């Protein structure tokens, strides 16, 4: 209920209205006219309200365009003619470079001589020597021929599995490795096959990919935990349909195994398992059990050969030459990471390599404190120098104790289009021209 004060105010208002009827009428008329004027302006001149109150739609002017280039995003901007508000849209950088005679873009500096993953994947054949993501020396080589992928070894430690997978996935898009070769039972060659994790979270290569055929060492004296874990991983791969052969079975072609596997339909690229004396005989030197393979590519009238010997040591190399007819090779994976114990003169004088890729951490003291014998050893360099200066290394140790390392050449890729070409993820400087070599080694061809 209204209070007495409110009632008195209402009575006074009524009396005032009765007392000044003309004033009230005028006020009402003015209010009606103002409202009518505002309504008319709303429809006739809405831009006034847009400018003052921000109501209604913007009236945009023409776009002002800054064209994008290959190296820089462009933009386009337009401004409201009424309120002067601007709106900008980004125009993504184009993919169209303008190249000079050296095949380098004059706008952004992009080097068109650097092949893309797509270019390398479409090559007739590509061979990749991988960096492994830690301070430890180890081996991992990916070979791609069309839709066929081969992985040779997966070092150097369990945590390398993720590094390997990230790289391999760029080239193996169907999750299938048609062939895997495990050369011998040392950690720096098989730990990545095992990886880490448990159950469905295991990261090892033998868990992450479907494997067609696995070819492994015929003998071993290994009793380490990583070897036992490797055996478990092999059993898992078998349970998923992987065919497992030893190099011995391949050489003698028993139980369905072959010594030669063609990697393409035209049968111009073949993977050939060589004979190693230690497939049939025991040795105390685990490295000498290594599976040895010759990759052969026939292109027109030319034949290119690529040799992989794992960590085969001096005596093993002697037998390799004795029991196989080895050709001269375009590429040799430096034996035993460039150790002084491998890549002997007996082998080199036969294969006469034109290019040598070494999977190692240059200068690492992981295995020895004798600086002449750290990878790649001076003796290794002295022997190889007689045949080629084209020596490339994956990684450089900075401080082994502190776990510091960096790329030497990085991931080393040889790929064949109309000729054999080289791409390295860091640089393609040959070993003898690097600062490390100048400080630690001598070139004695």
Foldseek 3Di string as FASTA:
>chain_A
DDDPVVVVVVVVVVVVCVVCVPVVVVVVVVVVVVVVVVVVCCVVPVLVCCQVPVDDDFQKDDWDWDDAEQAGKIKIKIAGPRNRDMDMDIHDHDNDFDQDPQCAGPPHRRRPVFDDLVVQLPFQKKKKWADQPFQFFATWIWIHGNQAIEIEFQDDALQSLVVVCVVVCSRNVPQEHAEYEQFFQHNRGHRQQQHDDDDLPTRHSLNRGQYAEYEYFLDAPDDDPSSVSSVVSVVVNVVVPYHYYYLVCQVVVPPNHHQWDQDDPVSQKIKGWADWPVSPPDDPDRLSSTTKIKIWGDDPPDIAIEIEGEQRFDVRLLVRVVRDQEAAHQEYAFHNQQFLGDPDLNNCVHRLYAAYEGRGAQQDCPPHPPSQGGPNHQNSQANNLVRYQHYYYFWHADDVVVGRIGGGQHIWMWGHHPHTDIDGPRDRDGPCPDPVCVVRYDHDD
